[in-house]
């Protein structure tokens, strides 16, 4: 049985996802938006640290690192090969 990807923290290495919602509040939400993580944006999971946290994500040609607590607040859906996925 395949694990369902609901948040950025659930995604496996190499996955390409589209952000559907940001659930952070206040200054944390502002930081996420400032990093370019907005609804509709494509994100690719690049690498994890040896202990699993933080994880590096490719967003709009930049590589950023998020802690698991931050990534759990970002709702995503996988981008399938058939729907394509143009970078926003």
PDB file of N, CA and C in Angstrom:
ATOM      1  N   UNK A   1       0.833  -1.178   0.000  1.00  0.00           N
ATOM      2  CA  UNK A   1       0.000   0.000   0.000  1.00  0.00           C
ATOM      3  C   UNK A   1       0.880   1.244   0.000  1.00  0.00           C
ATOM      4  N   UNK A   2       0.565   2.194  -0.869  1.00  0.00           N
ATOM      5  CA  UNK A   2       1.376   3.387  -1.026  1.00  0.00           C
ATOM      6  C   UNK A   2       0.964   4.451  -0.011  1.00  0.00           C
ATOM      7  N   UNK A   3       1.950   5.119   0.573  1.00  0.00           N
ATOM      8  CA  UNK A   3       1.684   6.162   1.551  1.00  0.00           C
ATOM      9  C   UNK A   3       1.123   7.397   0.848  1.00  0.00           C
ATOM     10  N   UNK A   4       0.094   7.991   1.417  1.00  0.00           N
ATOM     11  CA  UNK A   4      -0.523   9.181   0.855  1.00  0.00           C
ATOM     12  C   UNK A   4       0.319  10.397   1.206  1.00  0.00           C
ATOM     13  N   UNK A   5       0.573  11.237   0.216  1.00  0.00           N
ATOM     14  CA  UNK A   5       1.316  12.472   0.433  1.00  0.00           C
ATOM     15  C   UNK A   5       0.306  13.587   0.663  1.00  0.00           C
ATOM     16  N   UNK A   6       0.304  14.131   1.872  1.00  0.00           N
ATOM     17  CA  UNK A   6      -0.611  15.217   2.200  1.00  0.00           C
ATOM     18  C   UNK A   6       0.121  16.512   2.493  1.00  0.00           C
ATOM     19  N   UNK A   7       1.328  16.398   3.082  1.00  0.00           N
ATOM     20  CA  UNK A   7       2.119  17.589   3.379  1.00  0.00           C
ATOM     21  C   UNK A   7       3.512  17.428   2.786  1.00  0.00           C
ATOM     22  N   UNK A   8       4.225  18.506   2.738  1.00  0.00           N
ATOM     23  CA  UNK A   8       5.585  18.480   2.210  1.00  0.00           C
ATOM     24  C   UNK A   8       6.462  17.532   3.015  1.00  0.00           C
ATOM     25  N   UNK A   9       6.196  17.402   4.300  1.00  0.00           N
ATOM     26  CA  UNK A   9       6.978  16.506   5.161  1.00  0.00           C
ATOM     27  C   UNK A   9       6.772  15.033   4.809  1.00  0.00           C
ATOM     28  N   UNK A  10       5.647  14.692   4.188  1.00  0.00           N
ATOM     29  CA  UNK A  10       5.338  13.299   3.832  1.00  0.00           C
ATOM     30  C   UNK A  10       6.015  12.841   2.547  1.00  0.00           C
ATOM     31  N   UNK A  11       6.539  13.765   1.764  1.00  0.00           N
ATOM     32  CA  UNK A  11       7.026  13.459   0.415  1.00  0.00           C
ATOM     33  C   UNK A  11       8.365  12.721   0.420  1.00  0.00           C
ATOM     34  N   UNK A  12       8.501  11.725  -0.463  1.00  0.00           N
ATOM     35  CA  UNK A  12       9.772  11.004  -0.575  1.00  0.00           C
ATOM     36  C   UNK A  12      10.787  11.798  -1.390  1.00  0.00           C
ATOM     37  N   UNK A  13      12.051  11.426  -1.264  1.00  0.00           N
ATOM     38  CA  UNK A  13      13.109  12.071  -2.056  1.00  0.00           C
ATOM     39  C   UNK A  13      12.797  11.956  -3.547  1.00  0.00           C
ATOM     40  N   UNK A  14      13.036  13.032  -4.278  1.00  0.00           N
ATOM     41  CA  UNK A  14      12.833  13.042  -5.718  1.00  0.00           C
ATOM     42  C   UNK A  14      11.426  13.389  -6.152  1.00  0.00           C
ATOM     43  N   UNK A  15      10.484  13.453  -5.232  1.00  0.00           N
ATOM     44  CA  UNK A  15       9.093  13.747  -5.584  1.00  0.00           C
ATOM     45  C   UNK A  15       8.942  15.201  -6.030  1.00  0.00           C
ATOM     46  N   UNK A  16       8.075  15.402  -7.015  1.00  0.00           N
ATOM     47  CA  UNK A  16       7.704  16.750  -7.442  1.00  0.00           C
ATOM     48  C   UNK A  16       6.256  16.966  -7.043  1.00  0.00           C
ATOM     49  N   UNK A  17       6.013  18.091  -6.360  1.00  0.00           N
ATOM     50  CA  UNK A  17       4.709  18.355  -5.776  1.00  0.00           C
ATOM     51  C   UNK A  17       4.257  19.778  -6.092  1.00  0.00           C
ATOM     52  N   UNK A  18       2.958  19.994  -6.010  1.00  0.00           N
ATOM     53  CA  UNK A  18       2.401  21.330  -6.162  1.00  0.00           C
ATOM     54  C   UNK A  18       1.788  21.723  -4.817  1.00  0.00           C
ATOM     55  N   UNK A  19       2.128  22.918  -4.341  1.00  0.00           N
ATOM     56  CA  UNK A  19       1.598  23.415  -3.071  1.00  0.00           C
ATOM     57  C   UNK A  19       0.130  23.786  -3.255  1.00  0.00           C
ATOM     58  N   UNK A  20      -0.710  23.323  -2.325  1.00  0.00           N
ATOM     59  CA  UNK A  20      -2.137  23.644  -2.385  1.00  0.00           C
ATOM     60  C   UNK A  20      -2.561  24.617  -1.290  1.00  0.00           C
ATOM     61  N   UNK A  21      -1.857  24.610  -0.157  1.00  0.00           N
ATOM     62  CA  UNK A  21      -2.216  25.514   0.937  1.00  0.00           C
ATOM     63  C   UNK A  21      -1.047  25.638   1.908  1.00  0.00           C
ATOM     64  N   UNK A  22      -1.005  26.786   2.575  1.00  0.00           N
ATOM     65  CA  UNK A  22      -0.013  27.054   3.621  1.00  0.00           C
ATOM     66  C   UNK A  22      -0.797  27.243   4.916  1.00  0.00           C
ATOM     67  N   UNK A  23      -0.503  26.431   5.924  1.00  0.00           N
ATOM     68  CA  UNK A  23      -1.268  26.492   7.166  1.00  0.00           C
ATOM     69  C   UNK A  23      -0.513  27.180   8.304  1.00  0.00           C
ATOM     70  N   UNK A  24       0.686  27.688   8.054  1.00  0.00           N
ATOM     71  CA  UNK A  24       1.437  28.426   9.067  1.00  0.00           C
ATOM     72  C   UNK A  24       0.716  29.742   9.353  1.00  0.00           C
ATOM     73  N   UNK A  25       1.027  30.344  10.481  1.00  0.00           N
ATOM     74  CA  UNK A  25       0.433  31.620  10.862  1.00  0.00           C
ATOM     75  C   UNK A  25       1.529  32.633  11.210  1.00  0.00           C
ATOM     76  N   UNK A  26       1.180  33.910  11.156  1.00  0.00           N
ATOM     77  CA  UNK A  26       2.055  34.977  11.615  1.00  0.00           C
ATOM     78  C   UNK A  26       3.371  35.082  10.863  1.00  0.00           C
ATOM     79  N   UNK A  27       4.453  35.280  11.629  1.00  0.00           N
ATOM     80  CA  UNK A  27       5.781  35.483  11.049  1.00  0.00           C
ATOM     81  C   UNK A  27       6.267  34.251  10.286  1.00  0.00           C
ATOM     82  N   UNK A  28       5.905  33.075  10.763  1.00  0.00           N
ATOM     83  CA  UNK A  28       6.308  31.843  10.079  1.00  0.00           C
ATOM     84  C   UNK A  28       5.672  31.763   8.691  1.00  0.00           C
ATOM     85  N   UNK A  29       4.408  32.148   8.592  1.00  0.00           N
ATOM     86  CA  UNK A  29       3.718  32.164   7.291  1.00  0.00           C
ATOM     87  C   UNK A  29       4.396  33.157   6.349  1.00  0.00           C
ATOM     88  N   UNK A  30       4.735  34.306   6.869  1.00  0.00           N
ATOM     89  CA  UNK A  30       5.401  35.337   6.070  1.00  0.00           C
ATOM     90  C   UNK A  30       6.740  34.824   5.547  1.00  0.00           C
ATOM     91  N   UNK A  31       7.506  34.142   6.390  1.00  0.00           N
ATOM     92  CA  UNK A  31       8.796  33.589   5.983  1.00  0.00           C
ATOM     93  C   UNK A  31       8.621  32.572   4.858  1.00  0.00           C
ATOM     94  N   UNK A  32       7.621  31.694   4.997  1.00  0.00           N
ATOM     95  CA  UNK A  32       7.357  30.680   3.976  1.00  0.00           C
ATOM     96  C   UNK A  32       7.036  31.353   2.645  1.00  0.00           C
ATOM     97  N   UNK A  33       6.186  32.366   2.674  1.00  0.00           N
ATOM     98  CA  UNK A  33       5.849  33.096   1.448  1.00  0.00           C
ATOM     99  C   UNK A  33       7.070  33.817   0.878  1.00  0.00           C
ATOM    100  N   UNK A  34       7.889  34.407   1.736  1.00  0.00           N
ATOM    101  CA  UNK A  34       9.107  35.105   1.288  1.00  0.00           C
ATOM    102  C   UNK A  34      10.091  34.154   0.610  1.00  0.00           C
ATOM    103  N   UNK A  35      10.075  32.883   0.997  1.00  0.00           N
ATOM    104  CA  UNK A  35      10.951  31.888   0.369  1.00  0.00           C
ATOM    105  C   UNK A  35      10.419  31.421  -0.987  1.00  0.00           C
ATOM    106  N   UNK A  36       9.229  31.890  -1.363  1.00  0.00           N
ATOM    107  CA  UNK A  36       8.651  31.522  -2.651  1.00  0.00           C
ATOM    108  C   UNK A  36       7.704  30.352  -2.587  1.00  0.00           C
ATOM    109  N   UNK A  37       7.413  29.888  -1.390  1.00  0.00           N
ATOM    110  CA  UNK A  37       6.484  28.769  -1.215  1.00  0.00           C
ATOM    111  C   UNK A  37       5.070  29.326  -1.118  1.00  0.00           C
ATOM    112  N   UNK A  38       4.386  29.371  -2.250  1.00  0.00           N
ATOM    113  CA  UNK A  38       3.026  29.886  -2.318  1.00  0.00           C
ATOM    114  C   UNK A  38       2.144  28.853  -3.009  1.00  0.00           C
ATOM    115  N   UNK A  39       0.846  28.888  -2.776  1.00  0.00           N
ATOM    116  CA  UNK A  39      -0.044  27.933  -3.442  1.00  0.00           C
ATOM    117  C   UNK A  39       0.135  27.964  -4.962  1.00  0.00           C
ATOM    118  N   UNK A  40       0.231  26.770  -5.556  1.00  0.00           N
ATOM    119  CA  UNK A  40       0.445  26.633  -6.992  1.00  0.00           C
ATOM    120  C   UNK A  40       1.889  26.425  -7.393  1.00  0.00           C
ATOM    121  N   UNK A  41       2.810  26.685  -6.495  1.00  0.00           N
ATOM    122  CA  UNK A  41       4.237  26.551  -6.792  1.00  0.00           C
ATOM    123  C   UNK A  41       4.662  25.081  -6.796  1.00  0.00           C
ATOM    124  N   UNK A  42       5.549  24.730  -7.730  1.00  0.00           N
ATOM    125  CA  UNK A  42       6.111  23.375  -7.770  1.00  0.00           C
ATOM    126  C   UNK A  42       7.316  23.294  -6.842  1.00  0.00           C
ATOM    127  N   UNK A  43       7.431  22.159  -6.159  1.00  0.00           N
ATOM    128  CA  UNK A  43       8.529  21.915  -5.222  1.00  0.00           C
ATOM    129  C   UNK A  43       9.057  20.512  -5.482  1.00  0.00           C
ATOM    130  N   UNK A  44      10.392  20.372  -5.483  1.00  0.00           N
ATOM    131  CA  UNK A  44      10.990  19.047  -5.618  1.00  0.00           C
ATOM    132  C   UNK A  44      11.792  18.750  -4.358  1.00  0.00           C
ATOM    133  N   UNK A  45      11.626  17.535  -3.841  1.00  0.00           N
ATOM    134  CA  UNK A  45      12.372  17.109  -2.651  1.00  0.00           C
ATOM    135  C   UNK A  45      13.761  16.686  -3.115  1.00  0.00           C
ATOM    136  N   UNK A  46      14.789  17.409  -2.675  1.00  0.00           N
ATOM    137  CA  UNK A  46      16.165  17.180  -3.139  1.00  0.00           C
ATOM    138  C   UNK A  46      16.967  16.248  -2.244  1.00  0.00           C
ATOM    139  N   UNK A  47      17.044  16.553  -0.942  1.00  0.00           N
ATOM    140  CA  UNK A  47      17.865  15.725  -0.049  1.00  0.00           C
ATOM    141  C   UNK A  47      17.452  15.939   1.401  1.00  0.00           C
ATOM    142  N   UNK A  48      17.814  14.958   2.228  1.00  0.00           N
ATOM    143  CA  UNK A  48      17.566  15.049   3.667  1.00  0.00           C
ATOM    144  C   UNK A  48      18.915  15.001   4.390  1.00  0.00           C
ATOM    145  N   UNK A  49      18.980  15.638   5.533  1.00  0.00           N
ATOM    146  CA  UNK A  49      20.201  15.566   6.323  1.00  0.00           C
ATOM    147  C   UNK A  49      20.354  14.139   6.860  1.00  0.00           C
ATOM    148  N   UNK A  50      21.531  13.769   7.306  1.00  0.00           N
ATOM    149  CA  UNK A  50      21.746  12.392   7.781  1.00  0.00           C
ATOM    150  C   UNK A  50      20.779  11.959   8.891  1.00  0.00           C
ATOM    151  N   UNK A  51      20.339  12.884   9.716  1.00  0.00           N
ATOM    152  CA  UNK A  51      19.402  12.537  10.788  1.00  0.00           C
ATOM    153  C   UNK A  51      17.945  12.739  10.355  1.00  0.00           C
ATOM    154  N   UNK A  52      17.720  13.148   9.100  1.00  0.00           N
ATOM    155  CA  UNK A  52      16.371  13.272   8.575  1.00  0.00           C
ATOM    156  C   UNK A  52      15.729  14.640   8.682  1.00  0.00           C
ATOM    157  N   UNK A  53      16.375  15.578   9.364  1.00  0.00           N
ATOM    158  CA  UNK A  53      15.799  16.908   9.532  1.00  0.00           C
ATOM    159  C   UNK A  53      16.932  17.911   9.649  1.00  0.00           C
ATOM    160  N   UNK A  54      17.002  18.942   8.836  1.00  0.00           N
ATOM    161  CA  UNK A  54      16.009  19.423   7.875  1.00  0.00           C
ATOM    162  C   UNK A  54      16.094  18.696   6.528  1.00  0.00           C
ATOM    163  N   UNK A  55      15.172  19.059   5.635  1.00  0.00           N
ATOM    164  CA  UNK A  55      15.130  18.541   4.273  1.00  0.00           C
ATOM    165  C   UNK A  55      15.312  19.696   3.315  1.00  0.00           C
ATOM    166  N   UNK A  56      16.060  19.449   2.228  1.00  0.00           N
ATOM    167  CA  UNK A  56      16.290  20.476   1.205  1.00  0.00           C
ATOM    168  C   UNK A  56      15.265  20.309   0.084  1.00  0.00           C
ATOM    169  N   UNK A  57      14.689  21.427  -0.332  1.00  0.00           N
ATOM    170  CA  UNK A  57      13.686  21.449  -1.394  1.00  0.00           C
ATOM    171  C   UNK A  57      14.113  22.429  -2.481  1.00  0.00           C
ATOM    172  N   UNK A  58      13.857  22.071  -3.727  1.00  0.00           N
ATOM    173  CA  UNK A  58      14.113  22.979  -4.847  1.00  0.00           C
ATOM    174  C   UNK A  58      12.811  23.716  -5.136  1.00  0.00           C
ATOM    175  N   UNK A  59      12.882  25.055  -5.035  1.00  0.00           N
ATOM    176  CA  UNK A  59      11.732  25.925  -5.242  1.00  0.00           C
ATOM    177  C   UNK A  59      12.152  27.076  -6.140  1.00  0.00           C
ATOM    178  N   UNK A  60      11.547  27.186  -7.311  1.00  0.00           N
ATOM    179  CA  UNK A  60      11.831  28.297  -8.230  1.00  0.00           C
ATOM    180  C   UNK A  60      13.336  28.472  -8.464  1.00  0.00           C
ATOM    181  N   UNK A  61      14.029  27.385  -8.755  1.00  0.00           N
ATOM    182  CA  UNK A  61      15.468  27.371  -9.034  1.00  0.00           C
ATOM    183  C   UNK A  61      16.341  27.741  -7.837  1.00  0.00           C
ATOM    184  N   UNK A  62      15.790  27.697  -6.640  1.00  0.00           N
ATOM    185  CA  UNK A  62      16.570  27.922  -5.423  1.00  0.00           C
ATOM    186  C   UNK A  62      16.466  26.675  -4.553  1.00  0.00           C
ATOM    187  N   UNK A  63      17.486  26.425  -3.758  1.00  0.00           N
ATOM    188  CA  UNK A  63      17.490  25.292  -2.848  1.00  0.00           C
ATOM    189  C   UNK A  63      17.291  25.830  -1.438  1.00  0.00           C
ATOM    190  N   UNK A  64      16.223  25.408  -0.770  1.00  0.00           N
ATOM    191  CA  UNK A  64      15.957  25.882   0.587  1.00  0.00           C
ATOM    192  C   UNK A  64      15.809  24.689   1.519  1.00  0.00           C
ATOM    193  N   UNK A  65      16.059  24.908   2.794  1.00  0.00           N
ATOM    194  CA  UNK A  65      15.923  23.840   3.794  1.00  0.00           C
ATOM    195  C   UNK A  65      14.800  24.208   4.744  1.00  0.00           C
ATOM    196  N   UNK A  66      13.958  23.223   5.036  1.00  0.00           N
ATOM    197  CA  UNK A  66      12.872  23.406   5.997  1.00  0.00           C
ATOM    198  C   UNK A  66      12.926  22.294   7.028  1.00  0.00           C
ATOM    199  N   UNK A  67      12.616  22.630   8.245  1.00  0.00           N
ATOM    200  CA  UNK A  67      12.487  21.633   9.301  1.00  0.00           C
ATOM    201  C   UNK A  67      11.157  20.905   9.124  1.00  0.00           C
ATOM    202  N   UNK A  68      11.067  19.733   9.680  1.00  0.00           N
ATOM    203  CA  UNK A  68       9.870  18.912   9.560  1.00  0.00           C
ATOM    204  C   UNK A  68       8.625  19.651  10.064  1.00  0.00           C
ATOM    205  N   UNK A  69       8.743  20.372  11.172  1.00  0.00           N
ATOM    206  CA  UNK A  69       7.602  21.105  11.724  1.00  0.00           C
ATOM    207  C   UNK A  69       7.066  22.136  10.726  1.00  0.00           C
ATOM    208  N   UNK A  70       7.968  22.766   9.971  1.00  0.00           N
ATOM    209  CA  UNK A  70       7.556  23.745   8.965  1.00  0.00           C
ATOM    210  C   UNK A  70       6.914  23.047   7.773  1.00  0.00           C
ATOM    211  N   UNK A  71       7.535  21.969   7.299  1.00  0.00           N
ATOM    212  CA  UNK A  71       7.040  21.250   6.127  1.00  0.00           C
ATOM    213  C   UNK A  71       5.680  20.606   6.385  1.00  0.00           C
ATOM    214  N   UNK A  72       5.378  20.272   7.639  1.00  0.00           N
ATOM    215  CA  UNK A  72       4.089  19.678   7.973  1.00  0.00           C
ATOM    216  C   UNK A  72       2.943  20.670   7.814  1.00  0.00           C
ATOM    217  N   UNK A  73       3.240  21.934   7.748  1.00  0.00           N
ATOM    218  CA  UNK A  73       2.209  22.968   7.613  1.00  0.00           C
ATOM    219  C   UNK A  73       1.938  23.356   6.155  1.00  0.00           C
ATOM    220  N   UNK A  74       2.598  22.669   5.214  1.00  0.00           N
ATOM    221  CA  UNK A  74       2.453  22.981   3.787  1.00  0.00           C
ATOM    222  C   UNK A  74       1.762  21.813   3.097  1.00  0.00           C
ATOM    223  N   UNK A  75       0.517  22.035   2.664  1.00  0.00           N
ATOM    224  CA  UNK A  75      -0.263  20.990   1.991  1.00  0.00           C
ATOM    225  C   UNK A  75       0.152  20.915   0.527  1.00  0.00           C
ATOM    226  N   UNK A  76       0.285  19.698   0.013  1.00  0.00           N
ATOM    227  CA  UNK A  76       0.739  19.484  -1.361  1.00  0.00           C
ATOM    228  C   UNK A  76      -0.028  18.348  -2.028  1.00  0.00           C
ATOM    229  N   UNK A  77       0.064  18.313  -3.357  1.00  0.00           N
ATOM    230  CA  UNK A  77      -0.419  17.176  -4.145  1.00  0.00           C
ATOM    231  C   UNK A  77       0.703  16.787  -5.093  1.00  0.00           C
ATOM    232  N   UNK A  78       0.849  15.484  -5.358  1.00  0.00           N
ATOM    233  CA  UNK A  78       1.885  15.057  -6.311  1.00  0.00           C
ATOM    234  C   UNK A  78       1.563  15.567  -7.710  1.00  0.00           C
ATOM    235  N   UNK A  79       2.614  15.864  -8.477  1.00  0.00           N
ATOM    236  CA  UNK A  79       2.457  16.260  -9.875  1.00  0.00           C
ATOM    237  C   UNK A  79       2.689  15.012 -10.701  1.00  0.00           C
ATOM    238  N   UNK A  80       1.684  14.581 -11.442  1.00  0.00           N
ATOM    239  CA  UNK A  80       1.823  13.373 -12.250  1.00  0.00           C
ATOM    240  C   UNK A  80       2.457  13.711 -13.587  1.00  0.00           C
ATOM    241  N   UNK A  81       2.993  12.706 -14.217  1.00  0.00           N
ATOM    242  CA  UNK A  81       3.633  12.871 -15.529  1.00  0.00           C
ATOM    243  C   UNK A  81       2.623  13.342 -16.569  1.00  0.00           C
ATOM    244  N   UNK A  82       1.369  12.910 -16.447  1.00  0.00           N
ATOM    245  CA  UNK A  82       0.375  13.243 -17.461  1.00  0.00           C
ATOM    246  C   UNK A  82      -0.142  14.661 -17.355  1.00  0.00           C
ATOM    247  N   UNK A  83      -0.185  15.205 -16.126  1.00  0.00           N
ATOM    248  CA  UNK A  83      -0.693  16.572 -15.979  1.00  0.00           C
ATOM    249  C   UNK A  83       0.392  17.594 -16.256  1.00  0.00           C
ATOM    250  N   UNK A  84       1.629  17.123 -16.308  1.00  0.00           N
ATOM    251  CA  UNK A  84       2.736  18.046 -16.524  1.00  0.00           C
ATOM    252  C   UNK A  84       2.924  18.895 -15.290  1.00  0.00           C
ATOM    253  N   UNK A  85       3.703  19.925 -15.436  1.00  0.00           N
ATOM    254  CA  UNK A  85       3.914  20.796 -14.298  1.00  0.00           C
ATOM    255  C   UNK A  85       4.857  21.899 -14.673  1.00  0.00           C
ATOM    256  N   UNK A  86       4.310  22.994 -15.075  1.00  0.00           N
ATOM    257  CA  UNK A  86       5.159  24.122 -15.410  1.00  0.00           C
ATOM    258  C   UNK A  86       5.426  24.908 -14.145  1.00  0.00           C
ATOM    259  N   UNK A  87       6.642  25.332 -13.993  1.00  0.00           N
ATOM    260  CA  UNK A  87       7.060  26.085 -12.811  1.00  0.00           C
ATOM    261  C   UNK A  87       6.322  27.412 -12.762  1.00  0.00           C
ATOM    262  N   UNK A  88       5.906  27.791 -11.574  1.00  0.00           N
ATOM    263  CA  UNK A  88       5.239  29.083 -11.396  1.00  0.00           C
ATOM    264  C   UNK A  88       6.158  30.040 -10.729  1.00  0.00           C
TER     265      UNK A  88
END
